[in-house]
Amino acid sequence: MSLNSIFQFFVPKDKKFFPLFEQATENLTTMSAVMIELVNSKTVDERNALIRKIDDLEHVGDNITHNILTELSRNFITPFDREDIHDLASVIDDVADYLNGSAKDFLLYDIMDYSQAIKDLVHLIHEGAQELQVAVRELNGLKNTKLIREAMVKIHSVENKADNVLDQALADLFKHEEDVKELIKMKEVLSMLELATDKCEDAANVISSIVLKNS
């Protein structure tokens, strides 16, 4: 048992890190839900408003990450390893960054025709974000590690499905798209979305490590 784990028996229930992590995953779930609205938008004005909303939410996430890292610098005793706190905050922030980057690509490339592959990837990101929210909530006290493990399995499944969606979408693009500029544009958008699911899986791996160390 680590020194940090021993200290946990003598300190009150954490009132700093867990609420912040829950805020971070809730914000991420909200962002991904807005992304679903975005890929179903019908007008330029609606698209642009939703992109601004996603950008605002990404800034909210940045502030939460900053608060987590600030608390980390101030507190000697933490609910789990300091490196894990830093890594989890960073990868949750990464998911938000890739979501925001994807939304900005829609604006940059003036995309209004969202392919089924784009919609599928966005839905998978939302599913991954929801499972992260479940897992982070259950980290507090580690009373139900079964729920955490179930969420981790679902996130790994999401990432595998996203890989398949990306592979098939790129294969179709290279087979049927004759406009090189269009091909490059869509490849960038699809790859950015798939990277968001990769970061969800990275977060799941950090959470799995936390559970292993503290169970």
C-alpha atoms as a PDB file:
ATOM      1  CA  MET A   1       0.000   0.000   0.000  1.00  0.00           C
ATOM      2  CA  SER A   2       1.395   3.407  -0.970  1.00  0.00           C
ATOM      3  CA  LEU A   3       2.025   6.167   1.561  1.00  0.00           C
ATOM      4  CA  ASN A   4      -0.667   8.203  -0.158  1.00  0.00           C
ATOM      5  CA  SER A   5      -3.161   5.358   0.305  1.00  0.00           C
ATOM      6  CA  ILE A   6      -2.354   5.111   4.002  1.00  0.00           C
ATOM      7  CA  PHE A   7      -2.977   8.839   4.415  1.00  0.00           C
ATOM      8  CA  GLN A   8      -6.455   8.410   2.945  1.00  0.00           C
ATOM      9  CA  PHE A   9      -7.568   6.617   6.121  1.00  0.00           C
ATOM     10  CA  PHE A  10      -6.821   9.730   8.181  1.00  0.00           C
ATOM     11  CA  VAL A  11      -8.213  12.515   6.005  1.00  0.00           C
ATOM     12  CA  PRO A  12     -11.827  13.626   5.426  1.00  0.00           C
ATOM     13  CA  LYS A  13     -13.630  12.687   2.234  1.00  0.00           C
ATOM     14  CA  ASP A  14     -12.119  14.609  -0.664  1.00  0.00           C
ATOM     15  CA  LYS A  15     -14.051  17.789  -1.386  1.00  0.00           C
ATOM     16  CA  LYS A  16     -11.788  19.228  -4.062  1.00  0.00           C
ATOM     17  CA  PHE A  17     -10.661  16.822  -6.766  1.00  0.00           C
ATOM     18  CA  PHE A  18     -13.704  14.591  -7.207  1.00  0.00           C
ATOM     19  CA  PRO A  19     -16.166  17.477  -7.673  1.00  0.00           C
ATOM     20  CA  LEU A  20     -13.805  19.045 -10.216  1.00  0.00           C
ATOM     21  CA  PHE A  21     -13.422  15.800 -12.162  1.00  0.00           C
ATOM     22  CA  GLU A  22     -17.195  15.357 -12.152  1.00  0.00           C
ATOM     23  CA  GLN A  23     -17.563  18.904 -13.501  1.00  0.00           C
ATOM     24  CA  ALA A  24     -14.996  18.140 -16.214  1.00  0.00           C
ATOM     25  CA  THR A  25     -16.746  15.000 -17.455  1.00  0.00           C
ATOM     26  CA  GLU A  26     -20.180  16.625 -17.217  1.00  0.00           C
ATOM     27  CA  ASN A  27     -18.890  19.508 -19.330  1.00  0.00           C
ATOM     28  CA  LEU A  28     -17.426  17.021 -21.812  1.00  0.00           C
ATOM     29  CA  THR A  29     -20.733  15.179 -22.074  1.00  0.00           C
ATOM     30  CA  THR A  30     -22.500  18.486 -22.710  1.00  0.00           C
ATOM     31  CA  MET A  31     -19.961  19.385 -25.413  1.00  0.00           C
ATOM     32  CA  SER A  32     -20.470  16.089 -27.197  1.00  0.00           C
ATOM     33  CA  ALA A  33     -24.254  16.496 -27.015  1.00  0.00           C
ATOM     34  CA  VAL A  34     -23.913  19.909 -28.668  1.00  0.00           C
ATOM     35  CA  MET A  35     -21.731  18.257 -31.331  1.00  0.00           C
ATOM     36  CA  ILE A  36     -24.646  15.944 -32.098  1.00  0.00           C
ATOM     37  CA  GLU A  37     -26.846  19.024 -32.545  1.00  0.00           C
ATOM     38  CA  LEU A  38     -24.156  20.523 -34.768  1.00  0.00           C
ATOM     39  CA  VAL A  39     -23.950  17.593 -37.189  1.00  0.00           C
ATOM     40  CA  ASN A  40     -27.737  17.711 -37.492  1.00  0.00           C
ATOM     41  CA  SER A  41     -27.893  21.486 -38.047  1.00  0.00           C
ATOM     42  CA  LYS A  42     -29.537  22.717 -41.236  1.00  0.00           C
ATOM     43  CA  THR A  43     -28.530  26.352 -41.580  1.00  0.00           C
ATOM     44  CA  VAL A  44     -25.277  28.320 -41.508  1.00  0.00           C
ATOM     45  CA  ASP A  45     -26.506  30.469 -38.614  1.00  0.00           C
ATOM     46  CA  GLU A  46     -27.469  27.417 -36.569  1.00  0.00           C
ATOM     47  CA  ARG A  47     -24.119  25.761 -37.318  1.00  0.00           C
ATOM     48  CA  ASN A  48     -22.125  28.843 -36.376  1.00  0.00           C
ATOM     49  CA  ALA A  49     -24.050  29.350 -33.119  1.00  0.00           C
ATOM     50  CA  LEU A  50     -23.418  25.754 -32.075  1.00  0.00           C
ATOM     51  CA  ILE A  51     -19.718  26.025 -32.924  1.00  0.00           C
ATOM     52  CA  ARG A  52     -19.489  29.116 -30.682  1.00  0.00           C
ATOM     53  CA  LYS A  53     -21.255  27.195 -27.913  1.00  0.00           C
ATOM     54  CA  ILE A  54     -18.763  24.325 -28.203  1.00  0.00           C
ATOM     55  CA  ASP A  55     -15.872  26.787 -28.088  1.00  0.00           C
ATOM     56  CA  ASP A  56     -17.331  28.367 -24.929  1.00  0.00           C
ATOM     57  CA  LEU A  57     -17.680  24.938 -23.318  1.00  0.00           C
ATOM     58  CA  GLU A  58     -14.083  24.109 -24.202  1.00  0.00           C
ATOM     59  CA  HIS A  59     -13.000  27.227 -22.308  1.00  0.00           C
ATOM     60  CA  VAL A  60     -15.084  26.069 -19.351  1.00  0.00           C
ATOM     61  CA  GLY A  61     -13.201  22.774 -19.506  1.00  0.00           C
ATOM     62  CA  ASP A  62      -9.871  24.603 -19.621  1.00  0.00           C
ATOM     63  CA  ASN A  63     -10.786  26.456 -16.439  1.00  0.00           C
ATOM     64  CA  ILE A  64     -11.745  23.220 -14.680  1.00  0.00           C
ATOM     65  CA  THR A  65      -8.444  21.623 -15.718  1.00  0.00           C
ATOM     66  CA  HIS A  66      -6.584  24.680 -14.442  1.00  0.00           C
ATOM     67  CA  ASN A  67      -8.419  24.407 -11.113  1.00  0.00           C
ATOM     68  CA  ILE A  68      -7.520  20.715 -10.792  1.00  0.00           C
ATOM     69  CA  LEU A  69      -3.848  21.408 -11.440  1.00  0.00           C
ATOM     70  CA  THR A  70      -3.904  24.359  -9.042  1.00  0.00           C
ATOM     71  CA  GLU A  71      -5.345  22.165  -6.293  1.00  0.00           C
ATOM     72  CA  LEU A  72      -2.705  19.566  -7.102  1.00  0.00           C
ATOM     73  CA  SER A  73       0.052  22.113  -6.521  1.00  0.00           C
ATOM     74  CA  ARG A  74      -1.494  23.205  -3.216  1.00  0.00           C
ATOM     75  CA  ASN A  75      -2.272  19.840  -1.626  1.00  0.00           C
ATOM     76  CA  PHE A  76       0.252  17.337  -0.321  1.00  0.00           C
ATOM     77  CA  ILE A  77      -2.360  14.676   0.428  1.00  0.00           C
ATOM     78  CA  THR A  78      -4.449  13.639  -2.581  1.00  0.00           C
ATOM     79  CA  PRO A  79      -7.194  11.007  -3.034  1.00  0.00           C
ATOM     80  CA  PHE A  80      -4.963   9.053  -5.437  1.00  0.00           C
ATOM     81  CA  ASP A  81      -1.499   9.345  -6.989  1.00  0.00           C
ATOM     82  CA  ARG A  82      -0.570  12.846  -8.074  1.00  0.00           C
ATOM     83  CA  GLU A  83       0.582  11.609 -11.492  1.00  0.00           C
ATOM     84  CA  ASP A  84      -2.785   9.967 -12.082  1.00  0.00           C
ATOM     85  CA  ILE A  85      -4.642  13.150 -11.144  1.00  0.00           C
ATOM     86  CA  HIS A  86      -2.495  15.124 -13.586  1.00  0.00           C
ATOM     87  CA  ASP A  87      -2.862  12.530 -16.355  1.00  0.00           C
ATOM     88  CA  LEU A  88      -6.633  12.172 -15.964  1.00  0.00           C
ATOM     89  CA  ALA A  89      -7.176  15.936 -16.000  1.00  0.00           C
ATOM     90  CA  SER A  90      -4.981  16.225 -19.093  1.00  0.00           C
ATOM     91  CA  VAL A  91      -6.646  13.500 -21.159  1.00  0.00           C
ATOM     92  CA  ILE A  92     -10.178  14.699 -20.344  1.00  0.00           C
ATOM     93  CA  ASP A  93      -9.039  18.130 -21.508  1.00  0.00           C
ATOM     94  CA  ASP A  94      -7.592  16.527 -24.658  1.00  0.00           C
ATOM     95  CA  VAL A  95     -10.977  15.038 -25.580  1.00  0.00           C
ATOM     96  CA  ALA A  96     -12.521  18.499 -25.280  1.00  0.00           C
ATOM     97  CA  ASP A  97      -9.710  19.991 -27.388  1.00  0.00           C
ATOM     98  CA  TYR A  98     -10.267  17.505 -30.207  1.00  0.00           C
ATOM     99  CA  LEU A  99     -14.028  18.071 -30.089  1.00  0.00           C
ATOM    100  CA  ASN A 100     -13.508  21.805 -30.329  1.00  0.00           C
ATOM    101  CA  GLY A 101     -10.942  21.343 -33.076  1.00  0.00           C
ATOM    102  CA  SER A 102     -13.410  19.248 -35.057  1.00  0.00           C
ATOM    103  CA  ALA A 103     -16.116  21.888 -34.678  1.00  0.00           C
ATOM    104  CA  LYS A 104     -13.702  24.582 -35.855  1.00  0.00           C
ATOM    105  CA  ASP A 105     -12.827  22.425 -38.868  1.00  0.00           C
ATOM    106  CA  PHE A 106     -16.508  22.397 -39.818  1.00  0.00           C
ATOM    107  CA  LEU A 107     -16.343  26.197 -39.859  1.00  0.00           C
ATOM    108  CA  LEU A 108     -12.920  26.411 -41.511  1.00  0.00           C
ATOM    109  CA  TYR A 109     -13.888  24.057 -44.321  1.00  0.00           C
ATOM    110  CA  ASP A 110     -17.466  25.384 -44.502  1.00  0.00           C
ATOM    111  CA  ILE A 111     -18.971  21.943 -43.981  1.00  0.00           C
ATOM    112  CA  MET A 112     -22.751  21.724 -44.003  1.00  0.00           C
ATOM    113  CA  ASP A 113     -23.178  18.248 -45.491  1.00  0.00           C
ATOM    114  CA  TYR A 114     -22.350  15.879 -42.637  1.00  0.00           C
ATOM    115  CA  SER A 115     -21.696  12.340 -43.776  1.00  0.00           C
ATOM    116  CA  GLN A 116     -22.994   9.308 -41.910  1.00  0.00           C
ATOM    117  CA  ALA A 117     -19.417   8.552 -40.826  1.00  0.00           C
ATOM    118  CA  ILE A 118     -19.117  12.004 -39.209  1.00  0.00           C
ATOM    119  CA  LYS A 119     -22.425  11.508 -37.408  1.00  0.00           C
ATOM    120  CA  ASP A 120     -21.429   8.020 -36.272  1.00  0.00           C
ATOM    121  CA  LEU A 121     -18.125   9.273 -34.849  1.00  0.00           C
ATOM    122  CA  VAL A 122     -19.820  12.135 -33.009  1.00  0.00           C
ATOM    123  CA  HIS A 123     -22.326   9.730 -31.449  1.00  0.00           C
ATOM    124  CA  LEU A 124     -19.480   7.442 -30.399  1.00  0.00           C
ATOM    125  CA  ILE A 125     -17.654  10.360 -28.767  1.00  0.00           C
ATOM    126  CA  HIS A 126     -20.822  11.205 -26.844  1.00  0.00           C
ATOM    127  CA  GLU A 127     -21.148   7.600 -25.724  1.00  0.00           C
ATOM    128  CA  GLY A 128     -17.528   7.589 -24.562  1.00  0.00           C
ATOM    129  CA  ALA A 129     -18.012  10.866 -22.679  1.00  0.00           C
ATOM    130  CA  GLN A 130     -21.070   9.480 -20.898  1.00  0.00           C
ATOM    131  CA  GLU A 131     -19.151   6.400 -19.791  1.00  0.00           C
ATOM    132  CA  LEU A 132     -16.280   8.577 -18.535  1.00  0.00           C
ATOM    133  CA  GLN A 133     -18.809  10.510 -16.492  1.00  0.00           C
ATOM    134  CA  VAL A 134     -20.059   7.277 -14.908  1.00  0.00           C
ATOM    135  CA  ALA A 135     -16.540   6.042 -14.160  1.00  0.00           C
ATOM    136  CA  VAL A 136     -15.361   9.326 -12.633  1.00  0.00           C
ATOM    137  CA  ARG A 137     -18.437   9.535 -10.421  1.00  0.00           C
ATOM    138  CA  GLU A 138     -17.737   6.031  -9.102  1.00  0.00           C
ATOM    139  CA  LEU A 139     -14.075   6.815  -8.392  1.00  0.00           C
ATOM    140  CA  ASN A 140     -15.158   8.705  -5.286  1.00  0.00           C
ATOM    141  CA  GLY A 141     -14.750   6.101  -2.562  1.00  0.00           C
ATOM    142  CA  LEU A 142     -14.352   3.240  -5.063  1.00  0.00           C
ATOM    143  CA  LYS A 143     -17.451   1.584  -3.656  1.00  0.00           C
ATOM    144  CA  ASN A 144     -18.608   0.124  -6.969  1.00  0.00           C
ATOM    145  CA  THR A 145     -15.601  -0.865  -9.050  1.00  0.00           C
ATOM    146  CA  LYS A 146     -17.838  -3.139 -11.136  1.00  0.00           C
ATOM    147  CA  LEU A 147     -19.562  -0.092 -12.635  1.00  0.00           C
ATOM    148  CA  ILE A 148     -16.185   1.468 -13.375  1.00  0.00           C
ATOM    149  CA  ARG A 149     -14.933  -1.665 -15.109  1.00  0.00           C
ATOM    150  CA  GLU A 150     -18.142  -1.921 -17.145  1.00  0.00           C
ATOM    151  CA  ALA A 151     -17.694   1.692 -18.240  1.00  0.00           C
ATOM    152  CA  MET A 152     -14.073   0.987 -19.204  1.00  0.00           C
ATOM    153  CA  VAL A 153     -15.125  -1.966 -21.369  1.00  0.00           C
ATOM    154  CA  LYS A 154     -17.710   0.215 -23.128  1.00  0.00           C
ATOM    155  CA  ILE A 155     -15.128   2.947 -23.778  1.00  0.00           C
ATOM    156  CA  HIS A 156     -12.708   0.442 -25.305  1.00  0.00           C
ATOM    157  CA  SER A 157     -15.572  -0.820 -27.477  1.00  0.00           C
ATOM    158  CA  VAL A 158     -16.352   2.762 -28.538  1.00  0.00           C
ATOM    159  CA  GLU A 159     -12.746   3.292 -29.616  1.00  0.00           C
ATOM    160  CA  ASN A 160     -12.732   0.046 -31.633  1.00  0.00           C
ATOM    161  CA  LYS A 161     -15.976   1.020 -33.363  1.00  0.00           C
ATOM    162  CA  ALA A 162     -14.557   4.464 -34.143  1.00  0.00           C
ATOM    163  CA  ASP A 163     -11.480   2.852 -35.720  1.00  0.00           C
ATOM    164  CA  ASN A 164     -13.746   0.781 -37.957  1.00  0.00           C
ATOM    165  CA  VAL A 165     -15.868   3.801 -38.920  1.00  0.00           C
ATOM    166  CA  LEU A 166     -12.747   5.797 -39.812  1.00  0.00           C
ATOM    167  CA  ASP A 167     -11.168   2.968 -41.795  1.00  0.00           C
ATOM    168  CA  GLN A 168     -14.311   2.389 -43.842  1.00  0.00           C
ATOM    169  CA  ALA A 169     -14.909   6.112 -44.386  1.00  0.00           C
ATOM    170  CA  LEU A 170     -11.341   6.662 -45.615  1.00  0.00           C
ATOM    171  CA  ALA A 171     -11.554   3.633 -47.884  1.00  0.00           C
ATOM    172  CA  ASP A 172     -14.759   5.007 -49.411  1.00  0.00           C
ATOM    173  CA  LEU A 173     -13.202   8.455 -49.815  1.00  0.00           C
ATOM    174  CA  PHE A 174     -10.138   7.181 -51.647  1.00  0.00           C
ATOM    175  CA  LYS A 175     -12.302   4.964 -53.808  1.00  0.00           C
ATOM    176  CA  HIS A 176     -14.993   7.450 -54.795  1.00  0.00           C
ATOM    177  CA  GLU A 177     -13.830  11.026 -54.137  1.00  0.00           C
ATOM    178  CA  GLU A 178     -12.164  12.536 -57.222  1.00  0.00           C
ATOM    179  CA  ASP A 179     -11.703  16.043 -55.796  1.00  0.00           C
ATOM    180  CA  VAL A 180      -8.339  15.970 -54.012  1.00  0.00           C
ATOM    181  CA  LYS A 181      -9.146  19.051 -51.927  1.00  0.00           C
ATOM    182  CA  GLU A 182     -12.398  17.493 -50.751  1.00  0.00           C
ATOM    183  CA  LEU A 183     -10.604  14.253 -49.923  1.00  0.00           C
ATOM    184  CA  ILE A 184      -7.965  16.033 -47.807  1.00  0.00           C
ATOM    185  CA  LYS A 185     -10.628  18.119 -46.058  1.00  0.00           C
ATOM    186  CA  MET A 186     -12.800  15.154 -45.113  1.00  0.00           C
ATOM    187  CA  LYS A 187      -9.803  13.049 -44.059  1.00  0.00           C
ATOM    188  CA  GLU A 188      -8.771  15.808 -41.632  1.00  0.00           C
ATOM    189  CA  VAL A 189     -12.256  16.107 -40.149  1.00  0.00           C
ATOM    190  CA  LEU A 190     -12.750  12.365 -39.737  1.00  0.00           C
ATOM    191  CA  SER A 191      -9.293  11.831 -38.242  1.00  0.00           C
ATOM    192  CA  MET A 192      -9.777  14.633 -35.718  1.00  0.00           C
ATOM    193  CA  LEU A 193     -13.043  13.097 -34.537  1.00  0.00           C
ATOM    194  CA  GLU A 194     -11.498   9.646 -34.235  1.00  0.00           C
ATOM    195  CA  LEU A 195      -8.666  11.079 -32.146  1.00  0.00           C
ATOM    196  CA  ALA A 196     -11.244  12.239 -29.621  1.00  0.00           C
ATOM    197  CA  THR A 197     -12.269   8.606 -29.080  1.00  0.00           C
ATOM    198  CA  ASP A 198      -8.590   7.679 -28.690  1.00  0.00           C
ATOM    199  CA  LYS A 199      -8.323  10.225 -25.878  1.00  0.00           C
ATOM    200  CA  CYS A 200     -11.454   8.776 -24.250  1.00  0.00           C
ATOM    201  CA  GLU A 201      -9.659   5.448 -24.212  1.00  0.00           C
ATOM    202  CA  ASP A 202      -6.549   7.099 -22.749  1.00  0.00           C
ATOM    203  CA  ALA A 203      -8.720   8.456 -19.935  1.00  0.00           C
ATOM    204  CA  ALA A 204     -10.158   4.987 -19.405  1.00  0.00           C
ATOM    205  CA  ASN A 205      -6.635   3.583 -19.089  1.00  0.00           C
ATOM    206  CA  VAL A 206      -5.755   6.161 -16.414  1.00  0.00           C
ATOM    207  CA  ILE A 207      -8.943   5.327 -14.510  1.00  0.00           C
ATOM    208  CA  SER A 208      -8.160   1.601 -14.738  1.00  0.00           C
ATOM    209  CA  SER A 209      -4.724   2.313 -13.280  1.00  0.00           C
ATOM    210  CA  ILE A 210      -6.279   4.270 -10.406  1.00  0.00           C
ATOM    211  CA  VAL A 211      -8.667   1.423  -9.617  1.00  0.00           C
ATOM    212  CA  LEU A 212      -5.849  -1.127  -9.717  1.00  0.00           C
ATOM    213  CA  LYS A 213      -3.670   0.903  -7.356  1.00  0.00           C
ATOM    214  CA  ASN A 214      -6.401   1.717  -4.851  1.00  0.00           C
ATOM    215  CA  SER A 215      -8.649  -1.340  -4.744  1.00  0.00           C
END
